[in-house]
Amino acid sequence: MPLEALRPSPLVEQAAQRLRDQITGGHWPVGSRLPGETTLAKTLGVGRSTVREALRALAGAGMVQPRQGAGVFVIAAEPTEDWPTRLRRAAVADVYEVRAMVEVQAARLAAERRTEADVTALYAALERRRTDGAADDAAFVDADIALHAAVVDAAHNPVLTDLFGQFVPALRQGLIDLVRLLGLRDHDPHHGDARHAALVEAVAAGDADTAGDVLQSELAETRALLLTGRPAEDG
């Protein structure tokens, strides 16, 4: 399909989308060289700076690659998914499995590195799980995630904190659905309170082994529920 001039609006996004369509549609196959910035700008009816930003976006998506002195070349017909997009598309149980690998180690580190401020924050998060979480299933899941986030924060590793934050959007709705579908709070609005209290106390006491074991057990049970609708069997 021929390129056409663009309408006023977010021009960079429009330009990037139009160029992406040309690549995915086979107009510019993998290995081909794109027209120069001046040609693209004239065809699209935008300035060269807009074209430059659009090409930068396509490079960030892994579709094109500039080669010094040679131009910009197509290296992939489809954009590469970034990490948050991959997480959103993944099965919740698979994300949960990776979450457990990360968070259990974070709990162990938290027990070794926690400060008085961290301990105060942990007990406050536990209390909010009991109070704020009593409102409804969504509030319960949010309060639960906030407690887990407080444990990760106490590990004092910004990479772990950022990684856990990436998991949250991919997990939240799946956990809300799980709580609702299985009625986990029908008989106990504070489902899992004893185990979460044990986790907080282990971190506060500096007991890394217990903190890791308690969290491993809790996450394994939730993953089993996600997979089968039944708790994990004791091993």
C-alpha atoms as a PDB file:
ATOM      1  CA  MET A   1       0.000   0.000   0.000  1.00  0.00           C
ATOM      2  CA  PRO A   2       1.352   3.468  -0.819  1.00  0.00           C
ATOM      3  CA  LEU A   3       2.451   5.868   1.872  1.00  0.00           C
ATOM      4  CA  GLU A   4       0.154   8.842   2.437  1.00  0.00           C
ATOM      5  CA  ALA A   5       0.540  12.196   4.147  1.00  0.00           C
ATOM      6  CA  LEU A   6      -0.344  12.196   7.847  1.00  0.00           C
ATOM      7  CA  ARG A   7      -3.033  14.058   9.716  1.00  0.00           C
ATOM      8  CA  PRO A   8      -2.025  16.433  12.512  1.00  0.00           C
ATOM      9  CA  SER A   9      -1.908  14.686  15.960  1.00  0.00           C
ATOM     10  CA  PRO A  10       0.932  12.752  17.690  1.00  0.00           C
ATOM     11  CA  LEU A  11       3.011  12.753  14.514  1.00  0.00           C
ATOM     12  CA  VAL A  12       5.886  10.629  15.785  1.00  0.00           C
ATOM     13  CA  GLU A  13       3.509   7.837  16.802  1.00  0.00           C
ATOM     14  CA  GLN A  14       1.682   8.072  13.480  1.00  0.00           C
ATOM     15  CA  ALA A  15       4.912   8.050  11.513  1.00  0.00           C
ATOM     16  CA  ALA A  16       6.281   5.090  13.456  1.00  0.00           C
ATOM     17  CA  GLN A  17       3.044   3.155  12.940  1.00  0.00           C
ATOM     18  CA  ARG A  18       2.961   3.905   9.205  1.00  0.00           C
ATOM     19  CA  LEU A  19       6.569   2.793   8.765  1.00  0.00           C
ATOM     20  CA  ARG A  20       5.909  -0.287  10.893  1.00  0.00           C
ATOM     21  CA  ASP A  21       2.947  -1.179   8.678  1.00  0.00           C
ATOM     22  CA  GLN A  22       5.159  -0.928   5.591  1.00  0.00           C
ATOM     23  CA  ILE A  23       7.690  -3.305   7.134  1.00  0.00           C
ATOM     24  CA  THR A  24       5.222  -5.874   8.467  1.00  0.00           C
ATOM     25  CA  GLY A  25       3.318  -5.719   5.176  1.00  0.00           C
ATOM     26  CA  GLY A  26       6.445  -6.697   3.245  1.00  0.00           C
ATOM     27  CA  HIS A  27       6.914  -3.407   1.405  1.00  0.00           C
ATOM     28  CA  TRP A  28      10.389  -3.216   2.960  1.00  0.00           C
ATOM     29  CA  PRO A  29      11.517  -6.802   3.622  1.00  0.00           C
ATOM     30  CA  VAL A  30      14.156  -7.825   6.145  1.00  0.00           C
ATOM     31  CA  GLY A  31      17.578  -6.781   4.870  1.00  0.00           C
ATOM     32  CA  SER A  32      16.316  -3.873   2.785  1.00  0.00           C
ATOM     33  CA  ARG A  33      17.442  -0.300   3.226  1.00  0.00           C
ATOM     34  CA  LEU A  34      14.805   2.296   4.068  1.00  0.00           C
ATOM     35  CA  PRO A  35      14.539   5.495   2.034  1.00  0.00           C
ATOM     36  CA  GLY A  36      16.474   8.419   3.473  1.00  0.00           C
ATOM     37  CA  GLU A  37      15.041  10.756   6.101  1.00  0.00           C
ATOM     38  CA  THR A  38      14.409  13.508   3.565  1.00  0.00           C
ATOM     39  CA  THR A  39      12.448  11.182   1.273  1.00  0.00           C
ATOM     40  CA  LEU A  40      10.412   9.740   4.144  1.00  0.00           C
ATOM     41  CA  ALA A  41       9.695  13.186   5.545  1.00  0.00           C
ATOM     42  CA  LYS A  42       8.425  14.427   2.196  1.00  0.00           C
ATOM     43  CA  THR A  43       6.282  11.330   1.620  1.00  0.00           C
ATOM     44  CA  LEU A  44       4.741  11.424   5.091  1.00  0.00           C
ATOM     45  CA  GLY A  45       4.347  15.192   5.152  1.00  0.00           C
ATOM     46  CA  VAL A  46       6.343  15.688   8.353  1.00  0.00           C
ATOM     47  CA  GLY A  47       9.676  17.124   9.358  1.00  0.00           C
ATOM     48  CA  ARG A  48      12.924  15.177   9.380  1.00  0.00           C
ATOM     49  CA  SER A  49      13.036  15.343  13.180  1.00  0.00           C
ATOM     50  CA  THR A  50       9.705  13.491  13.324  1.00  0.00           C
ATOM     51  CA  VAL A  51      11.022  10.812  10.980  1.00  0.00           C
ATOM     52  CA  ARG A  52      14.191  10.538  13.045  1.00  0.00           C
ATOM     53  CA  GLU A  53      12.186   9.955  16.239  1.00  0.00           C
ATOM     54  CA  ALA A  54       9.952   7.435  14.503  1.00  0.00           C
ATOM     55  CA  LEU A  55      12.976   5.491  13.280  1.00  0.00           C
ATOM     56  CA  ARG A  56      14.399   5.583  16.786  1.00  0.00           C
ATOM     57  CA  ALA A  57      11.173   4.039  18.077  1.00  0.00           C
ATOM     58  CA  LEU A  58      11.370   1.288  15.449  1.00  0.00           C
ATOM     59  CA  ALA A  59      14.988   0.645  16.386  1.00  0.00           C
ATOM     60  CA  GLY A  60      13.935   0.355  20.020  1.00  0.00           C
ATOM     61  CA  ALA A  61      11.330  -2.211  18.949  1.00  0.00           C
ATOM     62  CA  GLY A  62      14.063  -4.227  17.251  1.00  0.00           C
ATOM     63  CA  MET A  63      12.738  -3.711  13.717  1.00  0.00           C
ATOM     64  CA  VAL A  64      15.381  -1.484  12.155  1.00  0.00           C
ATOM     65  CA  GLN A  65      19.044  -0.770  12.701  1.00  0.00           C
ATOM     66  CA  PRO A  66      20.999   2.296  11.601  1.00  0.00           C
ATOM     67  CA  ARG A  67      24.389   1.578  10.066  1.00  0.00           C
ATOM     68  CA  GLN A  68      26.824   4.438  10.065  1.00  0.00           C
ATOM     69  CA  GLY A  69      27.358   5.794   6.588  1.00  0.00           C
ATOM     70  CA  ALA A  70      25.011   3.233   5.024  1.00  0.00           C
ATOM     71  CA  GLY A  71      21.514   4.146   6.190  1.00  0.00           C
ATOM     72  CA  VAL A  72      18.786   2.406   8.140  1.00  0.00           C
ATOM     73  CA  PHE A  73      18.094  -1.277   7.452  1.00  0.00           C
ATOM     74  CA  VAL A  74      15.185  -3.557   8.298  1.00  0.00           C
ATOM     75  CA  ILE A  75      16.300  -6.355  10.661  1.00  0.00           C
ATOM     76  CA  ALA A  76      12.927  -7.826  11.743  1.00  0.00           C
ATOM     77  CA  ALA A  77       9.427  -7.936  10.272  1.00  0.00           C
ATOM     78  CA  GLU A  78       7.722  -7.825  13.672  1.00  0.00           C
ATOM     79  CA  PRO A  79       8.486  -5.747  16.768  1.00  0.00           C
ATOM     80  CA  THR A  80      10.205  -7.406  19.697  1.00  0.00           C
ATOM     81  CA  GLU A  81       7.977  -7.498  22.779  1.00  0.00           C
ATOM     82  CA  ASP A  82       9.349  -5.687  25.801  1.00  0.00           C
ATOM     83  CA  TRP A  83       9.367  -7.323  29.241  1.00  0.00           C
ATOM     84  CA  PRO A  84       6.070  -5.831  30.531  1.00  0.00           C
ATOM     85  CA  THR A  85       4.300  -6.891  27.329  1.00  0.00           C
ATOM     86  CA  ARG A  86       5.663 -10.422  27.609  1.00  0.00           C
ATOM     87  CA  LEU A  87       4.453 -10.605  31.203  1.00  0.00           C
ATOM     88  CA  ARG A  88       0.962  -9.423  30.247  1.00  0.00           C
ATOM     89  CA  ARG A  89       0.744 -12.123  27.576  1.00  0.00           C
ATOM     90  CA  ALA A  90       2.130 -14.916  29.765  1.00  0.00           C
ATOM     91  CA  ALA A  91       0.008 -17.353  31.746  1.00  0.00           C
ATOM     92  CA  VAL A  92      -0.434 -16.118  35.308  1.00  0.00           C
ATOM     93  CA  ALA A  93       0.831 -19.430  36.726  1.00  0.00           C
ATOM     94  CA  ASP A  94       4.040 -19.131  34.683  1.00  0.00           C
ATOM     95  CA  VAL A  95       4.607 -15.580  35.909  1.00  0.00           C
ATOM     96  CA  TYR A  96       3.926 -16.798  39.442  1.00  0.00           C
ATOM     97  CA  GLU A  97       6.572 -19.507  39.107  1.00  0.00           C
ATOM     98  CA  VAL A  98       9.214 -16.918  38.196  1.00  0.00           C
ATOM     99  CA  ARG A  99       7.912 -14.578  40.875  1.00  0.00           C
ATOM    100  CA  ALA A 100       8.529 -17.291  43.476  1.00  0.00           C
ATOM    101  CA  MET A 101      12.135 -17.726  42.360  1.00  0.00           C
ATOM    102  CA  VAL A 102      12.736 -14.007  42.784  1.00  0.00           C
ATOM    103  CA  GLU A 103      10.689 -13.320  45.883  1.00  0.00           C
ATOM    104  CA  VAL A 104      11.873 -16.228  48.033  1.00  0.00           C
ATOM    105  CA  GLN A 105      15.458 -15.030  47.666  1.00  0.00           C
ATOM    106  CA  ALA A 106      14.299 -11.467  48.348  1.00  0.00           C
ATOM    107  CA  ALA A 107      12.700 -12.647  51.607  1.00  0.00           C
ATOM    108  CA  ARG A 108      15.950 -14.290  52.675  1.00  0.00           C
ATOM    109  CA  LEU A 109      17.872 -11.109  51.915  1.00  0.00           C
ATOM    110  CA  ALA A 110      15.239  -9.036  53.719  1.00  0.00           C
ATOM    111  CA  ALA A 111      15.776 -11.092  56.879  1.00  0.00           C
ATOM    112  CA  GLU A 112      19.497 -10.367  56.660  1.00  0.00           C
ATOM    113  CA  ARG A 113      19.274  -6.681  55.744  1.00  0.00           C
ATOM    114  CA  ARG A 114      16.062  -5.339  57.318  1.00  0.00           C
ATOM    115  CA  THR A 115      16.251  -2.118  59.292  1.00  0.00           C
ATOM    116  CA  GLU A 116      14.015  -0.927  62.106  1.00  0.00           C
ATOM    117  CA  ALA A 117      12.128   1.173  59.564  1.00  0.00           C
ATOM    118  CA  ASP A 118      11.610  -1.909  57.386  1.00  0.00           C
ATOM    119  CA  VAL A 119      10.245  -3.901  60.317  1.00  0.00           C
ATOM    120  CA  THR A 120       7.825  -1.097  61.147  1.00  0.00           C
ATOM    121  CA  ALA A 121       6.709  -0.986  57.507  1.00  0.00           C
ATOM    122  CA  LEU A 122       6.219  -4.760  57.441  1.00  0.00           C
ATOM    123  CA  TYR A 123       3.991  -4.829  60.515  1.00  0.00           C
ATOM    124  CA  ALA A 124       2.032  -1.863  59.153  1.00  0.00           C
ATOM    125  CA  ALA A 125       1.536  -3.685  55.834  1.00  0.00           C
ATOM    126  CA  LEU A 126       0.402  -6.814  57.691  1.00  0.00           C
ATOM    127  CA  GLU A 127      -2.141  -4.768  59.611  1.00  0.00           C
ATOM    128  CA  ARG A 128      -3.396  -3.130  56.395  1.00  0.00           C
ATOM    129  CA  ARG A 129      -3.828  -6.607  54.904  1.00  0.00           C
ATOM    130  CA  ARG A 130      -6.161  -7.350  57.821  1.00  0.00           C
ATOM    131  CA  THR A 131      -8.064  -4.051  57.743  1.00  0.00           C
ATOM    132  CA  ASP A 132      -8.016  -2.592  54.230  1.00  0.00           C
ATOM    133  CA  GLY A 133      -8.112  -6.103  52.783  1.00  0.00           C
ATOM    134  CA  ALA A 134     -11.408  -6.826  54.504  1.00  0.00           C
ATOM    135  CA  ALA A 135     -13.290  -4.448  52.177  1.00  0.00           C
ATOM    136  CA  ASP A 136     -13.532  -6.622  49.055  1.00  0.00           C
ATOM    137  CA  ASP A 137     -11.529  -9.069  46.982  1.00  0.00           C
ATOM    138  CA  ALA A 138      -9.699  -6.405  44.977  1.00  0.00           C
ATOM    139  CA  ALA A 139      -8.706  -4.504  48.119  1.00  0.00           C
ATOM    140  CA  PHE A 140      -7.569  -7.771  49.691  1.00  0.00           C
ATOM    141  CA  VAL A 141      -5.314  -8.611  46.738  1.00  0.00           C
ATOM    142  CA  ASP A 142      -3.906  -5.067  46.653  1.00  0.00           C
ATOM    143  CA  ALA A 143      -3.144  -5.196  50.381  1.00  0.00           C
ATOM    144  CA  ASP A 144      -1.574  -8.626  49.990  1.00  0.00           C
ATOM    145  CA  ILE A 145       0.644  -7.434  47.134  1.00  0.00           C
ATOM    146  CA  ALA A 146       1.632  -4.384  49.205  1.00  0.00           C
ATOM    147  CA  LEU A 147       2.821  -6.659  52.014  1.00  0.00           C
ATOM    148  CA  HIS A 148       4.892  -8.741  49.623  1.00  0.00           C
ATOM    149  CA  ALA A 149       6.304  -5.536  48.140  1.00  0.00           C
ATOM    150  CA  ALA A 150       7.341  -4.419  51.636  1.00  0.00           C
ATOM    151  CA  VAL A 151       9.260  -7.667  52.067  1.00  0.00           C
ATOM    152  CA  VAL A 152      11.038  -7.153  48.745  1.00  0.00           C
ATOM    153  CA  ASP A 153      11.819  -3.527  49.663  1.00  0.00           C
ATOM    154  CA  ALA A 154      13.458  -4.730  52.880  1.00  0.00           C
ATOM    155  CA  ALA A 155      16.005  -6.650  50.782  1.00  0.00           C
ATOM    156  CA  HIS A 156      17.436  -3.261  49.758  1.00  0.00           C
ATOM    157  CA  ASN A 157      18.162  -4.318  46.201  1.00  0.00           C
ATOM    158  CA  PRO A 158      16.656  -1.868  43.685  1.00  0.00           C
ATOM    159  CA  VAL A 159      16.793  -4.440  40.877  1.00  0.00           C
ATOM    160  CA  LEU A 160      14.675  -6.872  42.904  1.00  0.00           C
ATOM    161  CA  THR A 161      12.268  -4.063  43.762  1.00  0.00           C
ATOM    162  CA  ASP A 162      11.902  -3.063  40.108  1.00  0.00           C
ATOM    163  CA  LEU A 163      11.518  -6.678  38.989  1.00  0.00           C
ATOM    164  CA  PHE A 164       8.771  -7.336  41.530  1.00  0.00           C
ATOM    165  CA  GLY A 165       7.027  -4.164  40.363  1.00  0.00           C
ATOM    166  CA  GLN A 166       7.007  -5.562  36.818  1.00  0.00           C
ATOM    167  CA  PHE A 167       5.217  -8.692  38.024  1.00  0.00           C
ATOM    168  CA  VAL A 168       2.368  -6.853  39.750  1.00  0.00           C
ATOM    169  CA  PRO A 169       0.287  -5.778  36.699  1.00  0.00           C
ATOM    170  CA  ALA A 170       0.547  -9.284  35.248  1.00  0.00           C
ATOM    171  CA  LEU A 171      -0.583 -10.908  38.492  1.00  0.00           C
ATOM    172  CA  ARG A 172      -3.162  -8.614  40.050  1.00  0.00           C
ATOM    173  CA  GLN A 173      -6.274  -9.416  38.010  1.00  0.00           C
ATOM    174  CA  GLY A 174      -5.482 -13.116  37.913  1.00  0.00           C
ATOM    175  CA  LEU A 175      -5.265 -13.202  41.707  1.00  0.00           C
ATOM    176  CA  ILE A 176      -8.500 -11.244  42.102  1.00  0.00           C
ATOM    177  CA  ASP A 177     -10.224 -13.717  39.782  1.00  0.00           C
ATOM    178  CA  LEU A 178      -8.767 -16.627  41.742  1.00  0.00           C
ATOM    179  CA  VAL A 179     -10.020 -15.292  45.078  1.00  0.00           C
ATOM    180  CA  ARG A 180     -13.490 -14.723  43.634  1.00  0.00           C
ATOM    181  CA  LEU A 181     -13.845 -17.958  41.688  1.00  0.00           C
ATOM    182  CA  LEU A 182     -12.701 -20.187  44.541  1.00  0.00           C
ATOM    183  CA  GLY A 183     -14.362 -18.163  47.287  1.00  0.00           C
ATOM    184  CA  LEU A 184     -11.112 -18.101  49.259  1.00  0.00           C
ATOM    185  CA  ARG A 185     -12.431 -15.411  51.583  1.00  0.00           C
ATOM    186  CA  ASP A 186     -15.941 -16.760  52.051  1.00  0.00           C
ATOM    187  CA  HIS A 187     -15.131 -18.367  55.395  1.00  0.00           C
ATOM    188  CA  ASP A 188     -12.014 -16.363  56.244  1.00  0.00           C
ATOM    189  CA  PRO A 189     -11.819 -12.734  55.052  1.00  0.00           C
ATOM    190  CA  HIS A 190      -8.134 -12.714  56.078  1.00  0.00           C
ATOM    191  CA  HIS A 191      -7.190 -15.795  54.043  1.00  0.00           C
ATOM    192  CA  GLY A 192      -3.548 -16.755  54.677  1.00  0.00           C
ATOM    193  CA  ASP A 193      -3.103 -14.402  57.628  1.00  0.00           C
ATOM    194  CA  ALA A 194      -1.166 -16.857  59.813  1.00  0.00           C
ATOM    195  CA  ARG A 195       1.361 -17.586  57.098  1.00  0.00           C
ATOM    196  CA  HIS A 196       1.870 -13.923  56.286  1.00  0.00           C
ATOM    197  CA  ALA A 197       2.283 -13.120  59.971  1.00  0.00           C
ATOM    198  CA  ALA A 198       4.914 -15.872  60.193  1.00  0.00           C
ATOM    199  CA  LEU A 199       6.724 -14.362  57.201  1.00  0.00           C
ATOM    200  CA  VAL A 200       6.809 -10.912  58.764  1.00  0.00           C
ATOM    201  CA  GLU A 201       8.009 -12.278  62.095  1.00  0.00           C
ATOM    202  CA  ALA A 202      10.756 -14.326  60.445  1.00  0.00           C
ATOM    203  CA  VAL A 203      12.040 -11.289  58.550  1.00  0.00           C
ATOM    204  CA  ALA A 204      11.835  -9.136  61.672  1.00  0.00           C
ATOM    205  CA  ALA A 205      13.755 -11.780  63.654  1.00  0.00           C
ATOM    206  CA  GLY A 206      16.445 -12.045  61.004  1.00  0.00           C
ATOM    207  CA  ASP A 207      15.625 -15.707  60.330  1.00  0.00           C
ATOM    208  CA  ALA A 208      16.405 -16.044  56.624  1.00  0.00           C
ATOM    209  CA  ASP A 209      15.747 -19.787  56.391  1.00  0.00           C
ATOM    210  CA  THR A 210      12.288 -19.563  57.926  1.00  0.00           C
ATOM    211  CA  ALA A 211      11.391 -16.480  55.882  1.00  0.00           C
ATOM    212  CA  GLY A 212      12.335 -18.268  52.667  1.00  0.00           C
ATOM    213  CA  ASP A 213      10.566 -21.498  53.637  1.00  0.00           C
ATOM    214  CA  VAL A 214       7.338 -19.766  54.687  1.00  0.00           C
ATOM    215  CA  LEU A 215       7.184 -17.719  51.514  1.00  0.00           C
ATOM    216  CA  GLN A 216       8.067 -20.696  49.316  1.00  0.00           C
ATOM    217  CA  SER A 217       5.201 -22.672  50.840  1.00  0.00           C
ATOM    218  CA  GLU A 218       2.722 -19.799  50.476  1.00  0.00           C
ATOM    219  CA  LEU A 219       3.605 -19.081  46.848  1.00  0.00           C
ATOM    220  CA  ALA A 220       3.600 -22.783  45.928  1.00  0.00           C
ATOM    221  CA  GLU A 221       0.091 -23.144  47.327  1.00  0.00           C
ATOM    222  CA  THR A 222      -1.174 -20.157  45.378  1.00  0.00           C
ATOM    223  CA  ARG A 223       0.418 -21.407  42.160  1.00  0.00           C
ATOM    224  CA  ALA A 224      -1.230 -24.800  42.679  1.00  0.00           C
ATOM    225  CA  LEU A 225      -4.572 -23.040  43.007  1.00  0.00           C
ATOM    226  CA  LEU A 226      -3.911 -21.120  39.805  1.00  0.00           C
ATOM    227  CA  LEU A 227      -3.107 -24.346  37.957  1.00  0.00           C
ATOM    228  CA  THR A 228      -5.658 -26.765  39.345  1.00  0.00           C
ATOM    229  CA  GLY A 229      -8.034 -25.019  41.702  1.00  0.00           C
ATOM    230  CA  ARG A 230      -6.669 -27.209  44.508  1.00  0.00           C
ATOM    231  CA  PRO A 231      -4.014 -26.554  47.171  1.00  0.00           C
ATOM    232  CA  ALA A 232      -0.576 -28.026  46.682  1.00  0.00           C
ATOM    233  CA  GLU A 233      -0.073 -31.445  48.269  1.00  0.00           C
ATOM    234  CA  ASP A 234       2.314 -31.526  51.173  1.00  0.00           C
ATOM    235  CA  GLY A 235       5.583 -33.042  50.066  1.00  0.00           C
END
